Amino acid sequence: MMNEALSSSRRDFIKNAVTAGIALASSTHFGCAAPGKRSARDQTTPPAEAPPVAPPQTAYSGLRIAYIGLGGIGGQHLEETVKFGVQCPCFCDVDTTHMPRFAEAYPKARPYQDYRVMLDKEQQNIDAVMVAIPDHQHYPATIKALKLGKHVYTQKPLTHTVWEARQLTAAAQQYQVATQMGIQGHAGQGIRLVYEWVRSGVLGDVLEVHTWTDRPIWPQGLGRPEGADAIPTGLAWDVWLGPAPPRPFKENVYHPFNWRGWWDFGCGALGDMACHTMDSMFWALDPGQPTVVEPLASTLINEETFPSATVVRWEFPARGQRPAFKAYWYDGGLMPPFPPDFECDRRLPKTGNLFLGTKAALLVQGDYGESPRVFPESKMQEIGKPPQILERSPGHFAEWLAAAVGEQPLDYPKSNFAYAGPLTETILLGNIAVRLGRRLEWDGGKLNFTNLPEANRYLTKDYRAGWDL
């Protein structure tokens, strides 16, 4: 893909996507440029990968972890850390039905339903905290742990608002603890290959990155239901609401899973998955703060839930030797237009990235940077595997544990808050643009929108008394 070809073929790229041709998830074939003979294996097999680095041999039996949030991804936290021999003096979940698994693993651990109470009572007994609760609770739990000087691992997205992300970035630096955001793919081989292909220059100047997801897989685009249901035994509903405005409990509407689609509790498909799927773009291109974020397409918007489908664009200025570029996001079954350089038999995965450069382009499959491959295929055969630039990881959780016990420096976890905070900020700006349906001009240094001052109120939120930590 040469400079002149890029300029001519991209001119109407997004215009066509929004007005006439956003491909639905059921579409699978790209355009027929540069046809070539390629097998099915060529389409899916990534370049040969080095074997993973073995986890450190040190047993972390001296590290005392408090788990906040025990269901869903909280169970993975248990699985991934118990094998390192860590201790657990206490754990917390608003729903007692999630506790038996942890009680079996740690029979002497003390259970709690309110993490504020747990952290106050147990602060002398713990060294680190793992947070796996709904998005609207990430900041209060994490900032409280940081202020107590505890190492913190918090699930993605790091926070519910842009302001919260900025605060946690600063707090992690202030309190000098080991931090990590839960984007497991950041420790993988695939994202390192993306970084190395981009940084080695074989793609030329990357001028566009397109990212898409198969989310949401929960309801969005609906209004608040009427009435109330009985609160289940063992569920501390008021504590689950936390900093959010009070509302009645409704069975299977918010807890335990569908909260992701509600403005008060989650961050929608964009906030839920872009921390994974846009991670390779953010790491490889080091974009800094965007100057513009704009919703290009959306289904109907309301004040209760996220739209069921969106397209969002960010504009990033030139930085150092890297030229300006644009990043695009698609969810709800919407997909990027088919680049003309794709062979007829190449297919789009359900979720992934397209890096479009002036010399070549890159298709990245999946949410975690899996199976990156240069296209067209003739260029892949010419370029081959990129030169290794980055060290390989011992594992996502192992990075954080090694830093928490002092075996590695505090910045050894590669998705630490210095990285994860700005990534989360950038993504959540997209949600504000979607909510308002407006193009927004952003001054990241001053943390405000310059062309629409009323948008600034969505950078933060009001907290209920007792939760403004």
Protein backbone atom coordinates (compact mmCIF):
# COMPACT_ATOMS: atom_id res chain seq x y z
CA MET A 1 0.00 0.00 0.00
CA MET A 2 1.86 3.10 -1.22
CA ASN A 3 1.32 6.73 -0.12
CA GLU A 4 -0.55 7.75 -3.27
CA ALA A 5 -2.69 4.63 -3.14
CA LEU A 6 -3.57 5.29 0.49
CA SER A 7 -4.60 8.88 -0.19
CA SER A 8 -6.87 7.94 -3.06
CA SER A 9 -8.47 4.83 -1.61
CA ARG A 10 -9.05 6.25 1.91
CA ARG A 11 -10.67 9.50 0.80
CA ASP A 12 -14.19 8.13 1.08
CA PHE A 13 -13.38 5.26 3.42
CA ILE A 14 -15.37 6.39 6.46
CA LYS A 15 -17.95 8.36 4.48
CA ASN A 16 -18.95 5.14 2.76
CA ALA A 17 -18.94 3.25 6.07
CA VAL A 18 -21.37 5.57 7.78
CA THR A 19 -23.68 6.52 4.89
CA ALA A 20 -23.85 3.47 2.71
CA GLY A 21 -21.78 0.51 3.66
CA ILE A 22 -20.99 -0.31 7.27
CA ALA A 23 -20.62 -4.06 6.96
CA LEU A 24 -22.61 -6.12 9.45
CA ALA A 25 -20.99 -8.83 11.50
CA SER A 26 -22.38 -11.43 9.13
CA SER A 27 -20.26 -10.05 6.30
CA THR A 28 -17.05 -12.02 5.99
CA HIS A 29 -15.18 -11.28 2.77
CA PHE A 30 -13.00 -8.31 1.91
CA GLY A 31 -12.43 -6.80 -1.50
CA CYS A 32 -10.60 -8.66 -4.23
CA ALA A 33 -7.48 -6.57 -4.69
CA ALA A 34 -4.20 -8.41 -5.22
CA PRO A 35 -5.68 -11.91 -5.43
CA GLY A 36 -3.28 -14.70 -4.69
CA LYS A 37 -3.26 -18.35 -3.93
CA ARG A 38 -3.53 -18.76 -0.17
CA SER A 39 -4.56 -21.69 1.93
CA ALA A 40 -6.92 -21.64 4.91
CA ARG A 41 -3.87 -22.13 7.10
CA ASP A 42 -2.41 -18.86 5.79
CA GLN A 43 -5.51 -17.01 6.94
CA THR A 44 -5.39 -18.01 10.58
CA THR A 45 -1.89 -19.10 11.53
CA PRO A 46 0.23 -16.39 13.20
CA PRO A 47 3.97 -16.12 12.67
CA ALA A 48 5.93 -18.63 14.72
CA GLU A 49 6.03 -17.58 18.36
CA ALA A 50 8.78 -18.06 20.89
CA PRO A 51 7.85 -20.28 23.85
CA PRO A 52 6.47 -18.28 26.79
CA VAL A 53 8.85 -17.20 29.48
CA ALA A 54 8.57 -19.44 32.54
CA PRO A 55 6.97 -17.79 35.59
CA PRO A 56 9.38 -16.82 38.36
CA GLN A 57 10.20 -19.63 40.72
CA THR A 58 9.86 -17.56 43.87
CA ALA A 59 6.90 -18.62 45.99
CA TYR A 60 4.91 -15.54 47.02
CA SER A 61 3.76 -17.08 50.29
CA GLY A 62 4.50 -13.88 52.18
CA LEU A 63 2.11 -11.75 50.09
CA ARG A 64 -1.29 -11.18 51.71
CA ILE A 65 -4.05 -10.37 49.20
CA ALA A 66 -7.59 -9.15 49.90
CA TYR A 67 -10.01 -9.97 47.08
CA ILE A 68 -12.82 -7.50 46.32
CA GLY A 69 -15.41 -9.06 44.02
CA LEU A 70 -15.57 -12.85 43.92
CA GLY A 71 -17.91 -13.66 41.03
CA GLY A 72 -17.11 -13.67 37.32
CA ILE A 73 -13.57 -12.45 36.70
CA GLY A 74 -12.99 -12.50 40.46
CA GLY A 75 -12.86 -16.28 40.19
CA GLN A 76 -10.01 -15.95 37.71
CA HIS A 77 -8.17 -13.75 40.19
CA LEU A 78 -8.33 -16.63 42.65
CA GLU A 79 -7.22 -19.23 40.09
CA GLU A 80 -4.29 -17.15 38.84
CA THR A 81 -2.90 -16.16 42.23
CA VAL A 82 -3.53 -19.17 44.47
CA LYS A 83 -1.04 -21.21 42.45
CA PHE A 84 1.71 -18.78 43.51
CA GLY A 85 1.09 -19.59 47.16
CA VAL A 86 -0.24 -16.19 48.23
CA GLN A 87 -2.15 -15.73 51.47
CA CYS A 88 -5.69 -14.36 51.80
CA PRO A 89 -6.64 -12.94 55.21
CA CYS A 90 -10.01 -11.64 53.98
CA PHE A 91 -12.29 -11.28 50.98
CA CYS A 92 -15.36 -9.26 50.06
CA ASP A 93 -18.46 -9.49 47.88
CA VAL A 94 -21.88 -7.88 48.22
CA ASP A 95 -23.41 -11.25 47.27
CA THR A 96 -22.70 -14.05 49.73
CA THR A 97 -23.48 -16.69 47.08
CA HIS A 98 -20.06 -15.95 45.58
CA MET A 99 -18.16 -16.66 48.77
CA PRO A 100 -18.02 -20.50 49.10
CA ARG A 101 -15.32 -20.95 46.46
CA PHE A 102 -12.99 -18.53 48.24
CA ALA A 103 -13.85 -19.91 51.66
CA GLU A 104 -12.87 -23.36 50.44
CA ALA A 105 -9.52 -22.10 49.16
CA TYR A 106 -8.87 -19.98 52.27
CA PRO A 107 -10.87 -21.44 55.21
CA LYS A 108 -9.46 -18.94 57.73
CA ALA A 109 -10.16 -15.86 55.61
CA ARG A 110 -12.71 -13.41 57.04
CA PRO A 111 -15.67 -12.56 54.75
CA TYR A 112 -17.10 -9.06 54.24
CA GLN A 113 -19.85 -7.52 52.14
CA ASP A 114 -18.57 -3.92 52.18
CA TYR A 115 -14.99 -3.32 51.03
CA ARG A 116 -14.83 -0.02 52.93
CA VAL A 117 -15.37 -1.89 56.18
CA MET A 118 -12.92 -4.61 55.19
CA LEU A 119 -10.14 -2.22 54.25
CA ASP A 120 -10.61 -0.22 57.46
CA LYS A 121 -10.57 -3.29 59.70
CA GLU A 122 -7.96 -5.37 57.86
CA GLN A 123 -5.48 -2.75 56.68
CA GLN A 124 -2.76 -4.08 58.96
CA ASN A 125 -3.30 -7.64 57.74
CA ILE A 126 -3.04 -7.17 53.97
CA ASP A 127 -0.36 -6.10 51.48
CA ALA A 128 -2.33 -6.04 48.23
CA VAL A 129 -5.87 -5.83 46.86
CA MET A 130 -7.50 -7.25 43.72
CA VAL A 131 -10.62 -5.44 42.48
CA ALA A 132 -13.22 -7.23 40.33
CA ILE A 133 -16.49 -5.36 40.85
CA PRO A 134 -18.77 -3.30 38.55
CA ASP A 135 -17.14 -0.33 36.84
CA HIS A 136 -18.83 2.36 38.94
CA GLN A 137 -17.14 0.92 42.05
CA HIS A 138 -13.60 0.63 40.63
CA TYR A 139 -12.42 4.06 41.67
CA PRO A 140 -13.66 4.13 45.29
CA ALA A 141 -12.23 0.69 46.04
CA THR A 142 -8.94 1.35 44.26
CA ILE A 143 -8.26 4.82 45.64
CA LYS A 144 -8.99 3.67 49.18
CA ALA A 145 -6.51 0.80 48.80
CA LEU A 146 -3.88 3.09 47.28
CA LYS A 147 -4.22 5.59 50.10
CA LEU A 148 -3.57 2.75 52.54
CA GLY A 149 -0.34 2.00 50.67
CA LYS A 150 -1.53 -1.32 49.21
CA HIS A 151 -0.51 -2.78 45.87
CA VAL A 152 -3.57 -2.87 43.63
CA TYR A 153 -4.75 -4.92 40.68
CA THR A 154 -7.99 -3.51 39.20
CA GLN A 155 -10.04 -4.90 36.36
CA LYS A 156 -10.68 -2.98 33.15
CA PRO A 157 -11.84 -0.37 32.51
CA LEU A 158 -9.74 1.14 35.26
CA THR A 159 -12.47 3.62 36.17
CA HIS A 160 -16.01 4.75 35.39
CA THR A 161 -15.09 8.34 34.48
CA VAL A 162 -12.24 10.25 32.85
CA TRP A 163 -11.56 12.25 36.02
CA GLU A 164 -11.23 9.07 38.06
CA ALA A 165 -8.67 7.66 35.64
CA ARG A 166 -6.56 10.81 35.93
CA GLN A 167 -6.73 10.58 39.74
CA LEU A 168 -5.62 6.94 39.87
CA THR A 169 -2.70 7.61 37.54
CA ALA A 170 -1.46 10.30 39.93
CA ALA A 171 -2.23 8.30 43.08
CA ALA A 172 -0.26 5.25 41.96
CA GLN A 173 2.77 7.47 41.46
CA GLN A 174 2.23 9.27 44.76
CA TYR A 175 1.90 6.16 46.91
CA GLN A 176 4.65 4.18 45.15
CA VAL A 177 2.96 0.80 44.94
CA ALA A 178 2.73 -1.91 42.30
CA THR A 179 -0.35 -1.55 40.08
CA GLN A 180 -1.86 -3.43 37.16
CA MET A 181 -5.08 -3.12 35.15
CA GLY A 182 -6.69 -6.37 34.06
CA ILE A 183 -5.90 -6.50 30.35
CA GLN A 184 -4.39 -9.95 30.12
CA GLY A 185 -3.49 -9.67 26.45
CA HIS A 186 -0.91 -7.01 27.29
CA ALA A 187 1.39 -9.77 28.52
CA GLY A 188 0.95 -11.86 25.38
CA GLN A 189 3.16 -12.61 22.41
CA GLY A 190 0.71 -11.23 19.84
CA ILE A 191 0.63 -7.66 21.12
CA ARG A 192 4.42 -7.64 21.21
CA LEU A 193 4.54 -8.68 17.57
CA VAL A 194 2.16 -5.82 16.71
CA TYR A 195 4.40 -3.38 18.58
CA GLU A 196 7.50 -4.70 16.84
CA TRP A 197 5.99 -4.59 13.35
CA VAL A 198 4.81 -1.01 13.89
CA ARG A 199 8.00 0.22 15.57
CA SER A 200 10.32 -1.46 13.06
CA GLY A 201 8.79 0.72 10.34
CA VAL A 202 7.84 -2.05 7.92
CA LEU A 203 4.24 -0.78 7.79
CA GLY A 204 5.43 2.72 6.96
CA ASP A 205 3.46 5.50 8.63
CA VAL A 206 0.30 4.14 10.27
CA LEU A 207 -2.40 6.67 9.42
CA GLU A 208 -5.51 4.76 10.52
CA VAL A 209 -6.37 2.04 13.03
CA HIS A 210 -9.80 0.37 12.95
CA THR A 211 -11.01 -1.65 15.94
CA TRP A 212 -14.23 -3.60 16.31
CA THR A 213 -15.91 -5.94 18.79
CA ASP A 214 -18.76 -8.45 18.93
CA ARG A 215 -20.09 -6.72 22.08
CA PRO A 216 -22.51 -5.89 23.58
CA ILE A 217 -23.68 -9.32 24.67
CA TRP A 218 -25.93 -7.72 27.28
CA PRO A 219 -28.98 -5.44 26.78
CA GLN A 220 -28.38 -1.83 25.71
CA GLY A 221 -30.60 0.84 24.20
CA LEU A 222 -33.49 0.30 26.64
CA GLY A 223 -35.17 2.36 29.34
CA ARG A 224 -35.41 1.79 33.07
CA PRO A 225 -37.94 -0.85 34.10
CA GLU A 226 -40.76 0.05 36.47
CA GLY A 227 -41.41 -1.48 39.85
CA ALA A 228 -39.18 -3.42 42.19
CA ASP A 229 -38.39 -7.05 42.96
CA ALA A 230 -37.52 -8.61 46.28
CA ILE A 231 -33.84 -8.33 47.08
CA PRO A 232 -32.34 -11.82 47.20
CA THR A 233 -31.15 -13.17 50.51
CA GLY A 234 -27.46 -12.51 50.90
CA LEU A 235 -27.30 -9.51 48.54
CA ALA A 236 -26.39 -6.15 50.07
CA TRP A 237 -28.16 -4.10 47.38
CA ASP A 238 -27.43 -0.67 48.82
CA VAL A 239 -23.71 -1.52 48.97
CA TRP A 240 -23.87 -2.83 45.39
CA LEU A 241 -25.24 0.56 44.31
CA GLY A 242 -22.32 2.23 46.07
CA PRO A 243 -21.67 5.74 44.69
CA ALA A 244 -24.55 5.53 42.17
CA PRO A 245 -27.98 7.11 42.76
CA PRO A 246 -30.43 4.79 44.53
CA ARG A 247 -32.84 2.69 42.48
CA PRO A 248 -34.97 -0.39 43.19
CA PHE A 249 -33.58 -3.86 42.69
CA LYS A 250 -34.85 -5.63 39.56
CA GLU A 251 -34.04 -9.29 39.03
CA ASN A 252 -31.50 -9.93 36.23
CA VAL A 253 -31.58 -6.29 35.12
CA TYR A 254 -28.42 -5.02 36.84
CA HIS A 255 -26.87 -7.64 39.11
CA PRO A 256 -24.96 -9.87 38.46
CA PHE A 257 -24.05 -9.21 34.79
CA ASN A 258 -26.16 -6.74 32.80
CA TRP A 259 -24.94 -3.66 34.69
CA ARG A 260 -22.42 -3.10 31.87
CA GLY A 261 -25.08 -1.57 29.64
CA TRP A 262 -26.27 1.09 32.14
CA TRP A 263 -24.70 4.55 32.27
CA ASP A 264 -24.83 4.61 36.09
CA PHE A 265 -22.93 1.35 36.51
CA GLY A 266 -20.95 0.35 33.42
CA CYS A 267 -19.10 1.74 30.42
CA GLY A 268 -20.92 -0.06 27.60
CA ALA A 269 -19.33 -2.11 24.84
CA LEU A 270 -16.66 0.53 24.24
CA GLY A 271 -15.57 0.78 27.87
CA ASP A 272 -15.81 -2.94 28.46
CA MET A 273 -13.76 -4.18 25.49
CA ALA A 274 -11.67 -1.35 24.04
CA CYS A 275 -9.20 -1.58 26.93
CA HIS A 276 -8.43 -5.02 25.48
CA THR A 277 -8.87 -4.51 21.77
CA MET A 278 -7.40 -0.99 21.40
CA ASP A 279 -4.50 -1.89 23.67
CA SER A 280 -2.18 -2.82 20.80
CA MET A 281 -2.84 0.52 19.09
CA PHE A 282 -2.20 2.44 22.29
CA TRP A 283 1.03 0.63 23.06
CA ALA A 284 2.49 0.53 19.56
CA LEU A 285 1.65 4.09 18.52
CA ASP A 286 1.94 5.83 21.92
CA PRO A 287 -0.75 8.31 20.86
CA GLY A 288 -0.80 10.66 23.83
CA GLN A 289 -3.94 12.74 24.26
CA PRO A 290 -6.37 13.00 21.34
CA THR A 291 -7.41 16.41 20.10
CA VAL A 292 -10.82 15.35 18.76
CA VAL A 293 -13.30 12.59 19.57
CA GLU A 294 -16.39 12.23 17.41
CA PRO A 295 -19.35 9.83 17.19
CA LEU A 296 -19.80 8.92 13.51
CA ALA A 297 -22.83 6.69 13.91
CA SER A 298 -25.12 5.50 16.68
CA THR A 299 -28.46 3.91 17.31
CA LEU A 300 -30.88 5.84 19.51
CA ILE A 301 -29.40 7.34 22.67
CA ASN A 302 -31.14 7.64 26.02
CA GLU A 303 -30.16 8.62 29.55
CA GLU A 304 -30.37 5.11 31.01
CA THR A 305 -28.37 2.76 28.79
CA PHE A 306 -25.71 2.88 26.12
CA PRO A 307 -26.78 2.70 22.47
CA SER A 308 -26.92 -0.78 20.96
CA ALA A 309 -24.39 0.12 18.22
CA THR A 310 -21.85 2.91 17.67
CA VAL A 311 -18.95 4.11 15.52
CA VAL A 312 -16.47 6.52 17.12
CA ARG A 313 -13.36 8.30 15.81
CA TRP A 314 -10.41 9.82 17.69
CA GLU A 315 -7.88 12.16 16.09
CA PHE A 316 -4.31 12.08 17.45
CA PRO A 317 -1.72 14.72 16.59
CA ALA A 318 1.80 14.05 15.34
CA ARG A 319 4.23 13.08 18.09
CA GLY A 320 7.98 12.94 17.58
CA GLN A 321 8.67 11.08 14.34
CA ARG A 322 5.15 9.63 14.23
CA PRO A 323 2.65 11.50 12.03
CA ALA A 324 -0.93 12.29 13.02
CA PHE A 325 -3.36 9.40 12.76
CA LYS A 326 -7.00 8.48 13.36
CA ALA A 327 -8.46 5.62 15.36
CA TYR A 328 -11.96 4.16 14.79
CA TRP A 329 -14.18 1.99 16.99
CA TYR A 330 -17.18 -0.15 15.92
CA ASP A 331 -19.55 -2.14 18.14
CA GLY A 332 -23.02 -3.65 18.08
CA GLY A 333 -22.38 -5.66 14.90
CA LEU A 334 -20.92 -2.77 12.90
CA MET A 335 -17.64 -3.42 11.10
CA PRO A 336 -15.06 -1.35 9.21
CA PRO A 337 -15.26 -1.14 5.41
CA PHE A 338 -13.17 -3.68 3.55
CA PRO A 339 -9.72 -2.37 2.59
CA PRO A 340 -9.07 -2.71 -1.15
CA ASP A 341 -5.74 -4.45 -0.51
CA PHE A 342 -7.26 -7.56 1.05
CA GLU A 343 -7.27 -10.76 -0.98
CA CYS A 344 -10.65 -12.25 -1.88
CA ASP A 345 -10.28 -15.22 0.45
CA ARG A 346 -9.24 -13.26 3.54
CA ARG A 347 -11.91 -12.85 6.20
CA LEU A 348 -12.64 -10.46 9.03
CA PRO A 349 -12.62 -12.01 12.51
CA LYS A 350 -15.50 -11.26 14.88
CA THR A 351 -13.29 -8.83 16.76
CA GLY A 352 -9.91 -7.31 16.00
CA ASN A 353 -7.87 -4.46 14.52
CA LEU A 354 -6.70 -3.16 11.16
CA PHE A 355 -3.51 -1.07 11.13
CA LEU A 356 -3.34 0.75 7.79
CA GLY A 357 0.14 1.95 6.87
CA THR A 358 1.69 3.62 3.85
CA LYS A 359 3.84 0.55 3.01
CA ALA A 360 1.76 -2.35 4.30
CA ALA A 361 -1.06 -3.11 6.70
CA LEU A 362 -1.71 -5.44 9.61
CA LEU A 363 -4.74 -7.52 10.60
CA VAL A 364 -4.94 -8.42 14.29
CA GLN A 365 -7.48 -11.05 15.29
CA GLY A 366 -9.32 -11.23 18.59
CA ASP A 367 -9.48 -9.05 21.68
CA TYR A 368 -5.98 -9.76 22.99
CA GLY A 369 -3.77 -9.11 19.97
CA GLU A 370 -3.84 -12.70 18.77
CA SER A 371 -2.56 -13.82 15.39
CA PRO A 372 -1.35 -10.53 13.91
CA ARG A 373 -0.45 -10.86 10.23
CA VAL A 374 0.74 -8.38 7.61
CA PHE A 375 -1.29 -8.06 4.43
CA PRO A 376 -1.32 -8.34 1.48
CA GLU A 377 0.13 -11.85 1.73
CA SER A 378 2.95 -11.03 -0.68
CA LYS A 379 4.10 -8.35 1.77
CA MET A 380 3.87 -10.80 4.67
CA GLN A 381 6.16 -13.23 2.84
CA GLU A 382 8.57 -10.39 2.07
CA ILE A 383 8.69 -8.95 5.59
CA GLY A 384 8.42 -12.05 7.76
CA LYS A 385 8.58 -11.95 11.52
CA PRO A 386 9.58 -8.55 12.96
CA PRO A 387 12.83 -8.07 14.86
CA GLN A 388 12.39 -8.53 18.61
CA ILE A 389 12.33 -5.23 20.47
CA LEU A 390 10.45 -6.06 23.68
CA GLU A 391 11.24 -8.53 26.41
CA ARG A 392 8.70 -11.33 26.80
CA SER A 393 6.46 -11.50 29.85
CA PRO A 394 6.40 -14.15 32.57
CA GLY A 395 2.63 -13.68 32.64
CA HIS A 396 0.12 -10.94 33.32
CA PHE A 397 -0.49 -11.81 36.97
CA ALA A 398 3.12 -12.84 37.57
CA GLU A 399 4.26 -9.34 36.55
CA TRP A 400 2.17 -7.72 39.26
CA LEU A 401 3.03 -10.26 41.95
CA ALA A 402 6.76 -9.93 41.24
CA ALA A 403 6.56 -6.15 41.65
CA ALA A 404 4.37 -6.40 44.76
CA VAL A 405 6.93 -8.54 46.62
CA GLY A 406 9.88 -6.40 45.48
CA GLU A 407 11.31 -9.01 43.13
CA GLN A 408 10.92 -6.54 40.25
CA PRO A 409 10.59 -2.72 40.13
CA LEU A 410 7.17 -1.14 40.64
CA ASP A 411 6.79 -0.37 36.93
CA TYR A 412 7.50 -3.96 35.91
CA PRO A 413 3.77 -4.71 35.38
CA LYS A 414 3.33 -3.40 31.84
CA SER A 415 -0.33 -2.40 32.20
CA ASN A 416 0.39 -0.43 35.38
CA PHE A 417 -1.71 2.64 36.09
CA ALA A 418 0.78 5.00 34.41
CA TYR A 419 -0.16 3.19 31.19
CA ALA A 420 -3.71 2.08 32.00
CA GLY A 421 -4.91 5.45 33.25
CA PRO A 422 -4.33 7.36 29.98
CA LEU A 423 -5.64 4.38 27.97
CA THR A 424 -8.87 4.39 30.01
CA GLU A 425 -9.19 8.17 29.71
CA THR A 426 -8.98 8.02 25.93
CA ILE A 427 -11.59 5.29 25.66
CA LEU A 428 -14.05 6.94 28.05
CA LEU A 429 -13.86 10.18 26.07
CA GLY A 430 -15.57 8.20 23.33
CA ASN A 431 -18.49 7.43 25.62
CA ILE A 432 -18.99 11.13 26.36
CA ALA A 433 -19.04 11.96 22.65
CA VAL A 434 -21.56 9.18 22.05
CA ARG A 435 -23.78 10.29 24.92
CA LEU A 436 -23.92 13.85 23.60
CA GLY A 437 -23.93 12.96 19.91
CA ARG A 438 -21.40 15.68 19.24
CA ARG A 439 -17.88 16.17 17.92
CA LEU A 440 -15.74 17.21 20.90
CA GLU A 441 -12.42 19.03 20.89
CA TRP A 442 -10.22 17.93 23.79
CA ASP A 443 -7.48 19.62 25.79
CA GLY A 444 -5.96 16.74 27.73
CA GLY A 445 -3.53 18.92 29.67
CA LYS A 446 -6.37 21.00 31.10
CA LEU A 447 -8.79 18.06 31.28
CA ASN A 448 -11.61 19.83 29.45
CA PHE A 449 -13.53 20.08 26.20
CA THR A 450 -12.89 23.40 24.52
CA ASN A 451 -15.74 23.60 22.01
CA LEU A 452 -18.63 22.41 24.20
CA PRO A 453 -18.17 23.38 27.87
CA GLU A 454 -21.37 21.63 28.94
CA ALA A 455 -19.74 18.32 28.01
CA ASN A 456 -17.28 18.73 30.86
CA ARG A 457 -19.83 17.67 33.45
CA TYR A 458 -19.59 14.13 32.08
CA LEU A 459 -15.89 13.95 32.90
CA THR A 460 -16.88 13.16 36.48
CA LYS A 461 -20.04 12.33 38.41
CA ASP A 462 -21.78 12.91 41.74
CA TYR A 463 -21.08 10.39 44.50
CA ARG A 464 -23.51 9.37 47.19
CA ALA A 465 -22.53 10.32 50.71
CA GLY A 466 -20.05 7.83 52.12
CA TRP A 467 -18.68 6.84 48.71
CA ASP A 468 -16.81 9.99 47.67
CA LEU A 469 -13.48 8.50 48.66
